[in-house]
Structure formats: structure tokens, C-alpha cells
Amino acid sequence: MTSPQKPDALFDMNAVLTNAARGRVMGSEYDFLRREVADRMQDRLMDINRRFEHVLDIGGRSFVEGATSVELPTANAALDAVPASHDLVISNLSMHWVNDLPGLMVQANHALKPDGLFIASLFGGDTLHELRHALIAAESEVVGGANTRVIPFADVRDLGSLLQRAGFALPVTDMDTITVTYEHPLKLLQDLRGMGEANAMTTRSRNFLRRDVLMRACERYTAKYAGPDGRIPATFQVLYMTGWHPHESQQKPLKPGSGKMNLGDALKAGKPPKKP
């Protein structure tokens, strides 16, 4: 059972964990996107000449063999990890559900040994923009107003500063865009339910989406976004962030004024040769 959370929390963590449990019951076939992103994170880890033996998986979705998995903490709960006990903290498509993302990142940093690595993926702002627009337009048209049906997601421009605020060294952020196509919008909604990604905002409507609104949203989605083959796209923007627990062996930025060449000379030196 989760502990009580702040009344102004964006997400209802009881609902987040319930949705995740329901998705696991629906079957592993709905893990296709999460596994794809996990593979891409593994590719990033392969580029690092390091063996990670003590791995903490926040959210339990990274598919790292031998990792210690922990559930997402509630707004008032600490990350269940011994300080300075892990050389890798990883999280795969879970942290977009966190109410206090800066606080969780600070706790992840505390769980790392010196020179330990933090790497996480989460959905970004363009995720499901087609579905968001179709639902808002349909509900506004049919009932004269719209509820928030697709949650807000992070912006990649904010993640670098979050990493620095959390005390990570050498922060890096980047992104992928993955487009999945479907025969019908209802199949997308089924996949989202199976992924455990149903709406869990505290302000969500407790009533089921009316059938006439849903059907009109599907019509709008298909009319605006369907390709020549009739299939509709669903955009998933995946943001990645990496950072290291500080250690004296890490590369340090140069102090201001310590450069050996002025800007004009640097630009001349870096001028590319002309093509023959």
C-alpha cells in the first residue's frame, strides 16, 4: 500500500501502480515498446567500458538481469535504496509518472557509489500528440468541454538542468522519436492499457469516456492522421538522460579565461578546407 501523498500532486500514485499491475496481468505482448527502448539503453551502456555489478532499477522495467527492482516512490516516500550502494541506477519509461522528479533524481544520485552512472528514459512532450488533439477536439465538439485525457510530459530542454540540480556530473540528454502505426485508434488505446499507461492524473474524470465522444475522437484521429494505407500513427517521443555521481577522476570543465587561443584564431584554425 502506498503512503498518503500531497493533495496537489499531479499523479495519483495508487492509480499509477494499479494501472501497472493491470498491464502486467494483460500479458507481456504489450511490453514491445518498453523492450525496444530498453535495447536502446543497453546500446548506450555497451559504449561505456564498465562492468556494472550492483544495479538498481527504478520502476522494474529495464530488463537488466540481476538488477534490484524498486517501485516508483510516492510523493512522500523515499527511494528504497541504501546510499552509495549501487554503481548503476537505471529507469526505463517509468519516471514520467513521478510527482517529484527532481527529488527522485537526487535520491538516485545518493544511491550511487562515487563515479556511478544514472541513466533513465521517459516519454517526452510530443508523445501521443495525435491522440491528445483528437480527444480534446471530439469532447469539445460533443459535450462542449474537454477533460485532460493524455498526461503532460517533460521537455528535453528541462532535463539537463534537472540533472545538474540533482548533483550529477557530466550530464547528457538526447531523444528518439518512435512511431507505431495501428489499424484503428481503439487498438492504440488497448495497447496503452496493456502498457500500464492509462491516465492516472489526480484531476482525471472518474467517469468513463462517453461512447459517442470516443467514436468521434476515432473519426477525427483517422481523418487527420491516417496514411494512404489507412493506418494511423502514434508518436512516442523518448527522452534519455545520463549523469555520473561526482568523482575526482572525472573530466572537469576548463575555468573561464584558461583557454590558450583567442576566438578569432580558433575560428580560423577550424575553418574547413574548400572542396576541389
C-alpha atoms as a PDB file:
ATOM      1  CA  MET A   1       0.000   0.000   0.000  1.00  0.00           C
ATOM      2  CA  THR A   2       1.319   3.439  -0.881  1.00  0.00           C
ATOM      3  CA  SER A   3       1.619   6.199   1.684  1.00  0.00           C
ATOM      4  CA  PRO A   4      -0.571   9.327   1.562  1.00  0.00           C
ATOM      5  CA  GLN A   5       0.527  11.909  -0.984  1.00  0.00           C
ATOM      6  CA  LYS A   6       0.211  15.674  -1.191  1.00  0.00           C
ATOM      7  CA  PRO A   7      -3.269  16.880  -2.173  1.00  0.00           C
ATOM      8  CA  ASP A   8      -1.820  18.973  -5.035  1.00  0.00           C
ATOM      9  CA  ALA A   9       0.146  16.059  -6.541  1.00  0.00           C
ATOM     10  CA  LEU A  10      -0.154  15.792 -10.315  1.00  0.00           C
ATOM     11  CA  PHE A  11      -0.424  11.997 -10.346  1.00  0.00           C
ATOM     12  CA  ASP A  12      -2.429   9.585  -8.210  1.00  0.00           C
ATOM     13  CA  MET A  13       0.289   7.051  -7.356  1.00  0.00           C
ATOM     14  CA  ASN A  14      -2.227   4.443  -6.237  1.00  0.00           C
ATOM     15  CA  ALA A  15      -3.704   4.608  -9.745  1.00  0.00           C
ATOM     16  CA  VAL A  16      -0.239   4.555 -11.352  1.00  0.00           C
ATOM     17  CA  LEU A  17       0.681   1.325  -9.545  1.00  0.00           C
ATOM     18  CA  THR A  18      -2.768  -0.186 -10.154  1.00  0.00           C
ATOM     19  CA  ASN A  19      -2.507   0.543 -13.876  1.00  0.00           C
ATOM     20  CA  ALA A  20       0.968  -1.011 -13.989  1.00  0.00           C
ATOM     21  CA  ALA A  21      -0.263  -4.155 -12.214  1.00  0.00           C
ATOM     22  CA  ARG A  22      -3.256  -4.415 -14.560  1.00  0.00           C
ATOM     23  CA  GLY A  23      -0.941  -4.099 -17.548  1.00  0.00           C
ATOM     24  CA  ARG A  24       1.256  -6.941 -16.304  1.00  0.00           C
ATOM     25  CA  VAL A  25      -1.830  -9.156 -15.983  1.00  0.00           C
ATOM     26  CA  MET A  26      -2.806  -8.394 -19.599  1.00  0.00           C
ATOM     27  CA  GLY A  27       0.424 -10.019 -20.789  1.00  0.00           C
ATOM     28  CA  SER A  28       3.989  -9.412 -21.943  1.00  0.00           C
ATOM     29  CA  GLU A  29       2.890  -8.733 -25.539  1.00  0.00           C
ATOM     30  CA  TYR A  30       2.306  -5.131 -24.512  1.00  0.00           C
ATOM     31  CA  ASP A  31       5.955  -4.690 -23.487  1.00  0.00           C
ATOM     32  CA  PHE A  32       7.113  -4.261 -27.100  1.00  0.00           C
ATOM     33  CA  LEU A  33       7.811  -0.533 -26.816  1.00  0.00           C
ATOM     34  CA  ARG A  34       9.402  -0.803 -23.400  1.00  0.00           C
ATOM     35  CA  ARG A  35      11.679  -3.600 -24.630  1.00  0.00           C
ATOM     36  CA  GLU A  36      12.661  -1.567 -27.695  1.00  0.00           C
ATOM     37  CA  VAL A  37      13.679   1.383 -25.517  1.00  0.00           C
ATOM     38  CA  ALA A  38      15.450  -0.956 -23.072  1.00  0.00           C
ATOM     39  CA  ASP A  39      17.515  -2.297 -26.002  1.00  0.00           C
ATOM     40  CA  ARG A  40      18.447   1.239 -26.978  1.00  0.00           C
ATOM     41  CA  MET A  41      19.534   1.965 -23.419  1.00  0.00           C
ATOM     42  CA  GLN A  42      21.607  -1.220 -23.412  1.00  0.00           C
ATOM     43  CA  ASP A  43      23.338   0.030 -26.569  1.00  0.00           C
ATOM     44  CA  ARG A  44      24.304   3.175 -24.686  1.00  0.00           C
ATOM     45  CA  LEU A  45      25.652   1.107 -21.798  1.00  0.00           C
ATOM     46  CA  MET A  46      27.672  -1.036 -24.213  1.00  0.00           C
ATOM     47  CA  ASP A  47      29.543   2.102 -25.290  1.00  0.00           C
ATOM     48  CA  ILE A  48      30.782   2.541 -21.718  1.00  0.00           C
ATOM     49  CA  ASN A  49      33.799   0.430 -20.842  1.00  0.00           C
ATOM     50  CA  ARG A  50      32.447  -0.519 -17.439  1.00  0.00           C
ATOM     51  CA  ARG A  51      31.028  -3.613 -15.753  1.00  0.00           C
ATOM     52  CA  PHE A  52      28.024  -2.753 -13.596  1.00  0.00           C
ATOM     53  CA  GLU A  53      27.549  -5.298 -10.835  1.00  0.00           C
ATOM     54  CA  HIS A  54      25.158  -3.557  -8.428  1.00  0.00           C
ATOM     55  CA  VAL A  55      22.206  -2.256 -10.434  1.00  0.00           C
ATOM     56  CA  LEU A  56      19.104  -0.514  -9.094  1.00  0.00           C
ATOM     57  CA  ASP A  57      16.095  -0.483 -11.440  1.00  0.00           C
ATOM     58  CA  ILE A  58      13.557   2.235 -10.596  1.00  0.00           C
ATOM     59  CA  GLY A  59      10.200   1.023 -11.843  1.00  0.00           C
ATOM     60  CA  GLY A  60      11.379  -2.509 -12.624  1.00  0.00           C
ATOM     61  CA  ARG A  61      11.097  -2.114 -16.396  1.00  0.00           C
ATOM     62  CA  SER A  62      14.687  -2.058 -17.672  1.00  0.00           C
ATOM     63  CA  PHE A  63      15.032  -5.848 -18.177  1.00  0.00           C
ATOM     64  CA  VAL A  64      18.568  -5.800 -16.703  1.00  0.00           C
ATOM     65  CA  GLU A  65      19.481  -9.256 -15.449  1.00  0.00           C
ATOM     66  CA  GLY A  66      20.298  -9.344 -11.739  1.00  0.00           C
ATOM     67  CA  ALA A  67      19.058  -5.809 -11.055  1.00  0.00           C
ATOM     68  CA  THR A  68      17.340  -4.898  -7.803  1.00  0.00           C
ATOM     69  CA  SER A  69      13.923  -3.539  -8.751  1.00  0.00           C
ATOM     70  CA  VAL A  70      12.012  -0.941  -6.748  1.00  0.00           C
ATOM     71  CA  GLU A  71       8.568   0.553  -7.363  1.00  0.00           C
ATOM     72  CA  LEU A  72       8.168   4.236  -8.095  1.00  0.00           C
ATOM     73  CA  PRO A  73       8.048   6.050  -4.745  1.00  0.00           C
ATOM     74  CA  THR A  74       5.011   8.102  -3.760  1.00  0.00           C
ATOM     75  CA  ALA A  75       5.287  11.839  -3.286  1.00  0.00           C
ATOM     76  CA  ASN A  76       6.047  11.459   0.432  1.00  0.00           C
ATOM     77  CA  ALA A  77       8.200   8.317   0.308  1.00  0.00           C
ATOM     78  CA  ALA A  78      11.940   7.959  -0.142  1.00  0.00           C
ATOM     79  CA  LEU A  79      13.578   5.739  -2.699  1.00  0.00           C
ATOM     80  CA  ASP A  80      14.132   2.346  -1.114  1.00  0.00           C
ATOM     81  CA  ALA A  81      17.910   2.133  -1.595  1.00  0.00           C
ATOM     82  CA  VAL A  82      20.984   2.189   0.643  1.00  0.00           C
ATOM     83  CA  PRO A  83      23.100   5.301  -0.016  1.00  0.00           C
ATOM     84  CA  ALA A  84      26.277   4.772  -2.088  1.00  0.00           C
ATOM     85  CA  SER A  85      25.397   1.116  -2.712  1.00  0.00           C
ATOM     86  CA  HIS A  86      24.992   0.883  -6.497  1.00  0.00           C
ATOM     87  CA  ASP A  87      27.238   1.510  -9.476  1.00  0.00           C
ATOM     88  CA  LEU A  88      24.282   1.864 -11.866  1.00  0.00           C
ATOM     89  CA  VAL A  89      20.809   3.294 -11.329  1.00  0.00           C
ATOM     90  CA  ILE A  90      18.533   2.793 -14.319  1.00  0.00           C
ATOM     91  CA  SER A  91      14.902   3.550 -15.100  1.00  0.00           C
ATOM     92  CA  ASN A  92      13.046   2.677 -18.287  1.00  0.00           C
ATOM     93  CA  LEU A  93       9.848   4.547 -19.253  1.00  0.00           C
ATOM     94  CA  SER A  94       8.681   4.984 -15.666  1.00  0.00           C
ATOM     95  CA  MET A  95       9.784   8.390 -14.439  1.00  0.00           C
ATOM     96  CA  HIS A  96       7.217  10.401 -16.423  1.00  0.00           C
ATOM     97  CA  TRP A  97       4.785   9.236 -13.705  1.00  0.00           C
ATOM     98  CA  VAL A  98       6.788  10.725 -10.830  1.00  0.00           C
ATOM     99  CA  ASN A  99       5.303  13.679  -8.923  1.00  0.00           C
ATOM    100  CA  ASP A 100       8.646  14.923  -7.591  1.00  0.00           C
ATOM    101  CA  LEU A 101      11.084  14.173 -10.409  1.00  0.00           C
ATOM    102  CA  PRO A 102      13.892  16.453  -9.094  1.00  0.00           C
ATOM    103  CA  GLY A 103      13.603  14.830  -5.658  1.00  0.00           C
ATOM    104  CA  LEU A 104      13.724  11.315  -7.084  1.00  0.00           C
ATOM    105  CA  MET A 105      16.802  12.185  -9.147  1.00  0.00           C
ATOM    106  CA  VAL A 106      18.551  13.474  -6.022  1.00  0.00           C
ATOM    107  CA  GLN A 107      17.725  10.192  -4.269  1.00  0.00           C
ATOM    108  CA  ALA A 108      19.007   8.221  -7.268  1.00  0.00           C
ATOM    109  CA  ASN A 109      22.280  10.140  -7.051  1.00  0.00           C
ATOM    110  CA  HIS A 110      22.551   9.352  -3.344  1.00  0.00           C
ATOM    111  CA  ALA A 111      22.081   5.652  -4.118  1.00  0.00           C
ATOM    112  CA  LEU A 112      25.129   5.672  -6.395  1.00  0.00           C
ATOM    113  CA  LYS A 113      28.711   4.968  -5.462  1.00  0.00           C
ATOM    114  CA  PRO A 114      31.292   7.595  -6.490  1.00  0.00           C
ATOM    115  CA  ASP A 115      31.619   7.545 -10.307  1.00  0.00           C
ATOM    116  CA  GLY A 116      28.396   5.523 -10.530  1.00  0.00           C
ATOM    117  CA  LEU A 117      26.103   6.029 -13.516  1.00  0.00           C
ATOM    118  CA  PHE A 118      22.476   7.156 -13.698  1.00  0.00           C
ATOM    119  CA  ILE A 119      20.586   6.519 -16.947  1.00  0.00           C
ATOM    120  CA  ALA A 120      16.863   6.902 -17.500  1.00  0.00           C
ATOM    121  CA  SER A 121      14.324   7.085 -20.294  1.00  0.00           C
ATOM    122  CA  LEU A 122      10.906   8.703 -20.103  1.00  0.00           C
ATOM    123  CA  PHE A 123       8.257   9.910 -22.503  1.00  0.00           C
ATOM    124  CA  GLY A 124       8.615  13.471 -23.796  1.00  0.00           C
ATOM    125  CA  GLY A 125       6.254  16.268 -24.772  1.00  0.00           C
ATOM    126  CA  ASP A 126       5.363  15.121 -28.314  1.00  0.00           C
ATOM    127  CA  THR A 127       4.208  11.704 -27.096  1.00  0.00           C
ATOM    128  CA  LEU A 128       0.680  10.821 -28.225  1.00  0.00           C
ATOM    129  CA  HIS A 129       0.052  14.318 -29.580  1.00  0.00           C
ATOM    130  CA  GLU A 130      -2.288  12.848 -32.207  1.00  0.00           C
ATOM    131  CA  LEU A 131      -4.447  11.162 -29.569  1.00  0.00           C
ATOM    132  CA  ARG A 132      -4.406  14.252 -27.346  1.00  0.00           C
ATOM    133  CA  HIS A 133      -5.674  16.506 -30.144  1.00  0.00           C
ATOM    134  CA  ALA A 134      -8.340  14.032 -31.304  1.00  0.00           C
ATOM    135  CA  LEU A 135      -9.752  13.568 -27.790  1.00  0.00           C
ATOM    136  CA  ILE A 136      -9.815  17.279 -26.960  1.00  0.00           C
ATOM    137  CA  ALA A 137     -11.478  18.182 -30.259  1.00  0.00           C
ATOM    138  CA  ALA A 138     -14.069  15.399 -30.044  1.00  0.00           C
ATOM    139  CA  GLU A 139     -15.037  16.029 -26.437  1.00  0.00           C
ATOM    140  CA  SER A 140     -15.277  19.780 -27.002  1.00  0.00           C
ATOM    141  CA  GLU A 141     -17.474  19.201 -30.040  1.00  0.00           C
ATOM    142  CA  VAL A 142     -19.831  16.645 -28.468  1.00  0.00           C
ATOM    143  CA  VAL A 143     -20.211  17.856 -24.872  1.00  0.00           C
ATOM    144  CA  GLY A 144     -18.939  21.439 -25.049  1.00  0.00           C
ATOM    145  CA  GLY A 145     -15.844  20.936 -22.884  1.00  0.00           C
ATOM    146  CA  ALA A 146     -12.831  18.667 -22.544  1.00  0.00           C
ATOM    147  CA  ASN A 147     -11.097  16.807 -19.739  1.00  0.00           C
ATOM    148  CA  THR A 148      -7.375  16.066 -19.731  1.00  0.00           C
ATOM    149  CA  ARG A 149      -7.147  12.534 -21.126  1.00  0.00           C
ATOM    150  CA  VAL A 150      -3.433  12.410 -22.011  1.00  0.00           C
ATOM    151  CA  ILE A 151      -0.956  13.401 -19.322  1.00  0.00           C
ATOM    152  CA  PRO A 152       1.609  16.217 -19.756  1.00  0.00           C
ATOM    153  CA  PHE A 153       5.138  15.035 -20.493  1.00  0.00           C
ATOM    154  CA  ALA A 154       8.597  16.510 -19.860  1.00  0.00           C
ATOM    155  CA  ASP A 155      10.501  18.723 -22.288  1.00  0.00           C
ATOM    156  CA  VAL A 156      14.005  17.584 -23.273  1.00  0.00           C
ATOM    157  CA  ARG A 157      15.298  21.124 -22.658  1.00  0.00           C
ATOM    158  CA  ASP A 158      14.465  20.816 -18.955  1.00  0.00           C
ATOM    159  CA  LEU A 159      16.263  17.538 -18.283  1.00  0.00           C
ATOM    160  CA  GLY A 160      19.835  18.863 -18.429  1.00  0.00           C
ATOM    161  CA  SER A 161      19.159  21.436 -15.734  1.00  0.00           C
ATOM    162  CA  LEU A 162      17.362  18.793 -13.647  1.00  0.00           C
ATOM    163  CA  LEU A 163      20.444  16.559 -13.809  1.00  0.00           C
ATOM    164  CA  GLN A 164      22.659  19.422 -12.669  1.00  0.00           C
ATOM    165  CA  ARG A 165      20.280  20.412  -9.873  1.00  0.00           C
ATOM    166  CA  ALA A 166      20.316  16.797  -8.678  1.00  0.00           C
ATOM    167  CA  GLY A 167      24.123  16.949  -8.373  1.00  0.00           C
ATOM    168  CA  PHE A 168      25.086  14.761 -11.338  1.00  0.00           C
ATOM    169  CA  ALA A 169      28.362  15.344 -13.155  1.00  0.00           C
ATOM    170  CA  LEU A 170      28.762  15.226 -16.961  1.00  0.00           C
ATOM    171  CA  PRO A 171      25.012  15.398 -17.698  1.00  0.00           C
ATOM    172  CA  VAL A 172      23.847  14.376 -21.170  1.00  0.00           C
ATOM    173  CA  THR A 173      20.339  14.375 -22.665  1.00  0.00           C
ATOM    174  CA  ASP A 174      19.080  13.217 -26.048  1.00  0.00           C
ATOM    175  CA  MET A 175      15.908  11.895 -27.638  1.00  0.00           C
ATOM    176  CA  ASP A 176      14.384   9.414 -30.092  1.00  0.00           C
ATOM    177  CA  THR A 177      11.041   9.524 -31.847  1.00  0.00           C
ATOM    178  CA  ILE A 178       9.342   6.166 -32.308  1.00  0.00           C
ATOM    179  CA  THR A 179       6.211   5.987 -34.460  1.00  0.00           C
ATOM    180  CA  VAL A 180       3.920   2.983 -34.119  1.00  0.00           C
ATOM    181  CA  THR A 181       1.102   2.504 -36.637  1.00  0.00           C
ATOM    182  CA  TYR A 182      -2.286   0.939 -35.964  1.00  0.00           C
ATOM    183  CA  GLU A 183      -5.271  -0.249 -37.946  1.00  0.00           C
ATOM    184  CA  HIS A 184      -7.599   1.696 -35.652  1.00  0.00           C
ATOM    185  CA  PRO A 185      -7.294   4.139 -32.715  1.00  0.00           C
ATOM    186  CA  LEU A 186      -9.053   1.650 -30.430  1.00  0.00           C
ATOM    187  CA  LYS A 187      -6.092  -0.731 -30.841  1.00  0.00           C
ATOM    188  CA  LEU A 188      -3.795   2.055 -29.652  1.00  0.00           C
ATOM    189  CA  LEU A 189      -5.968   2.585 -26.572  1.00  0.00           C
ATOM    190  CA  GLN A 190      -5.831  -1.136 -25.832  1.00  0.00           C
ATOM    191  CA  ASP A 191      -2.034  -1.102 -26.104  1.00  0.00           C
ATOM    192  CA  LEU A 192      -1.779   1.864 -23.739  1.00  0.00           C
ATOM    193  CA  ARG A 193      -3.877  -0.007 -21.202  1.00  0.00           C
ATOM    194  CA  GLY A 194      -1.685  -3.091 -21.589  1.00  0.00           C
ATOM    195  CA  MET A 195       1.428  -0.926 -21.136  1.00  0.00           C
ATOM    196  CA  GLY A 196       0.027   0.398 -17.854  1.00  0.00           C
ATOM    197  CA  GLU A 197      -0.092   3.888 -19.355  1.00  0.00           C
ATOM    198  CA  ALA A 198      -3.756   4.727 -18.678  1.00  0.00           C
ATOM    199  CA  ASN A 199      -4.497   8.192 -17.308  1.00  0.00           C
ATOM    200  CA  ALA A 200      -3.643   8.441 -13.602  1.00  0.00           C
ATOM    201  CA  MET A 201      -3.803  12.194 -13.047  1.00  0.00           C
ATOM    202  CA  THR A 202      -5.374  13.239  -9.763  1.00  0.00           C
ATOM    203  CA  THR A 203      -7.690  15.584 -11.691  1.00  0.00           C
ATOM    204  CA  ARG A 204      -8.825  12.924 -14.187  1.00  0.00           C
ATOM    205  CA  SER A 205     -12.537  12.374 -14.721  1.00  0.00           C
ATOM    206  CA  ARG A 206     -13.791   9.375 -12.736  1.00  0.00           C
ATOM    207  CA  ASN A 207     -16.441   8.729 -15.399  1.00  0.00           C
ATOM    208  CA  PHE A 208     -15.826   6.518 -18.409  1.00  0.00           C
ATOM    209  CA  LEU A 209     -15.357   8.369 -21.673  1.00  0.00           C
ATOM    210  CA  ARG A 210     -18.733   8.529 -23.379  1.00  0.00           C
ATOM    211  CA  ARG A 211     -19.077   6.185 -26.332  1.00  0.00           C
ATOM    212  CA  ASP A 212     -20.182   8.954 -28.706  1.00  0.00           C
ATOM    213  CA  VAL A 213     -17.143  11.038 -27.715  1.00  0.00           C
ATOM    214  CA  LEU A 214     -14.834   8.067 -28.187  1.00  0.00           C
ATOM    215  CA  MET A 215     -16.233   7.238 -31.620  1.00  0.00           C
ATOM    216  CA  ARG A 216     -15.972  10.881 -32.704  1.00  0.00           C
ATOM    217  CA  ALA A 217     -12.358  11.000 -31.467  1.00  0.00           C
ATOM    218  CA  CYS A 218     -11.561   7.910 -33.538  1.00  0.00           C
ATOM    219  CA  GLU A 219     -13.143   9.550 -36.591  1.00  0.00           C
ATOM    220  CA  ARG A 220     -11.135  12.736 -36.090  1.00  0.00           C
ATOM    221  CA  TYR A 221      -7.913  10.793 -35.462  1.00  0.00           C
ATOM    222  CA  THR A 222      -8.330   8.786 -38.673  1.00  0.00           C
ATOM    223  CA  ALA A 223      -9.423  11.727 -40.798  1.00  0.00           C
ATOM    224  CA  LYS A 224      -6.477  13.908 -39.776  1.00  0.00           C
ATOM    225  CA  TYR A 225      -3.616  11.450 -39.394  1.00  0.00           C
ATOM    226  CA  ALA A 226      -4.267   8.231 -41.374  1.00  0.00           C
ATOM    227  CA  GLY A 227      -1.774   7.396 -44.111  1.00  0.00           C
ATOM    228  CA  PRO A 228      -2.516   6.190 -47.642  1.00  0.00           C
ATOM    229  CA  ASP A 229      -2.854   2.638 -46.308  1.00  0.00           C
ATOM    230  CA  GLY A 230      -5.485   3.750 -43.785  1.00  0.00           C
ATOM    231  CA  ARG A 231      -3.284   3.067 -40.746  1.00  0.00           C
ATOM    232  CA  ILE A 232      -2.953   5.755 -38.076  1.00  0.00           C
ATOM    233  CA  PRO A 233       0.375   6.773 -36.461  1.00  0.00           C
ATOM    234  CA  ALA A 234       1.036   7.122 -32.741  1.00  0.00           C
ATOM    235  CA  THR A 235       4.087   9.170 -31.816  1.00  0.00           C
ATOM    236  CA  PHE A 236       6.208   8.251 -28.798  1.00  0.00           C
ATOM    237  CA  GLN A 237       8.963  10.756 -28.047  1.00  0.00           C
ATOM    238  CA  VAL A 238      11.528   9.095 -25.799  1.00  0.00           C
ATOM    239  CA  LEU A 239      13.881  11.274 -23.769  1.00  0.00           C
ATOM    240  CA  TYR A 240      17.134   9.921 -22.328  1.00  0.00           C
ATOM    241  CA  MET A 241      19.235  11.389 -19.562  1.00  0.00           C
ATOM    242  CA  THR A 242      22.554  10.250 -18.154  1.00  0.00           C
ATOM    243  CA  GLY A 243      24.735  11.587 -15.398  1.00  0.00           C
ATOM    244  CA  TRP A 244      27.510  10.421 -13.097  1.00  0.00           C
ATOM    245  CA  HIS A 245      27.898  10.601  -9.348  1.00  0.00           C
ATOM    246  CA  PRO A 246      30.826  13.031  -8.920  1.00  0.00           C
ATOM    247  CA  HIS A 247      34.329  11.610  -8.554  1.00  0.00           C
ATOM    248  CA  GLU A 248      37.763  13.250  -8.663  1.00  0.00           C
ATOM    249  CA  SER A 249      38.809  11.150 -11.673  1.00  0.00           C
ATOM    250  CA  GLN A 250      36.133  12.672 -13.920  1.00  0.00           C
ATOM    251  CA  GLN A 251      36.864  15.239 -16.582  1.00  0.00           C
ATOM    252  CA  LYS A 252      36.462  18.797 -15.338  1.00  0.00           C
ATOM    253  CA  PRO A 253      35.390  21.808 -17.423  1.00  0.00           C
ATOM    254  CA  LEU A 254      38.066  24.441 -18.043  1.00  0.00           C
ATOM    255  CA  LYS A 255      37.998  27.521 -15.846  1.00  0.00           C
ATOM    256  CA  PRO A 256      36.936  30.769 -17.560  1.00  0.00           C
ATOM    257  CA  GLY A 257      39.936  32.515 -19.112  1.00  0.00           C
ATOM    258  CA  SER A 258      42.118  29.403 -19.176  1.00  0.00           C
ATOM    259  CA  GLY A 259      41.988  28.955 -22.976  1.00  0.00           C
ATOM    260  CA  LYS A 260      45.268  29.147 -24.909  1.00  0.00           C
ATOM    261  CA  MET A 261      43.808  30.565 -28.154  1.00  0.00           C
ATOM    262  CA  ASN A 262      41.579  33.577 -28.814  1.00  0.00           C
ATOM    263  CA  LEU A 263      38.236  33.151 -30.564  1.00  0.00           C
ATOM    264  CA  GLY A 264      39.370  34.623 -33.891  1.00  0.00           C
ATOM    265  CA  ASP A 265      42.333  32.257 -34.156  1.00  0.00           C
ATOM    266  CA  ALA A 266      40.168  29.315 -33.124  1.00  0.00           C
ATOM    267  CA  LEU A 267      37.671  30.064 -35.875  1.00  0.00           C
ATOM    268  CA  LYS A 268      40.444  30.376 -38.452  1.00  0.00           C
ATOM    269  CA  ALA A 269      42.046  27.147 -37.281  1.00  0.00           C
ATOM    270  CA  GLY A 270      38.740  25.331 -37.514  1.00  0.00           C
ATOM    271  CA  LYS A 271      37.822  26.601 -40.969  1.00  0.00           C
ATOM    272  CA  PRO A 272      37.087  23.595 -43.207  1.00  0.00           C
ATOM    273  CA  PRO A 273      39.122  23.160 -46.413  1.00  0.00           C
ATOM    274  CA  LYS A 274      37.461  24.126 -49.687  1.00  0.00           C
ATOM    275  CA  LYS A 275      36.153  21.323 -51.860  1.00  0.00           C
ATOM    276  CA  PRO A 276      38.191  20.782 -55.061  1.00  0.00           C
END
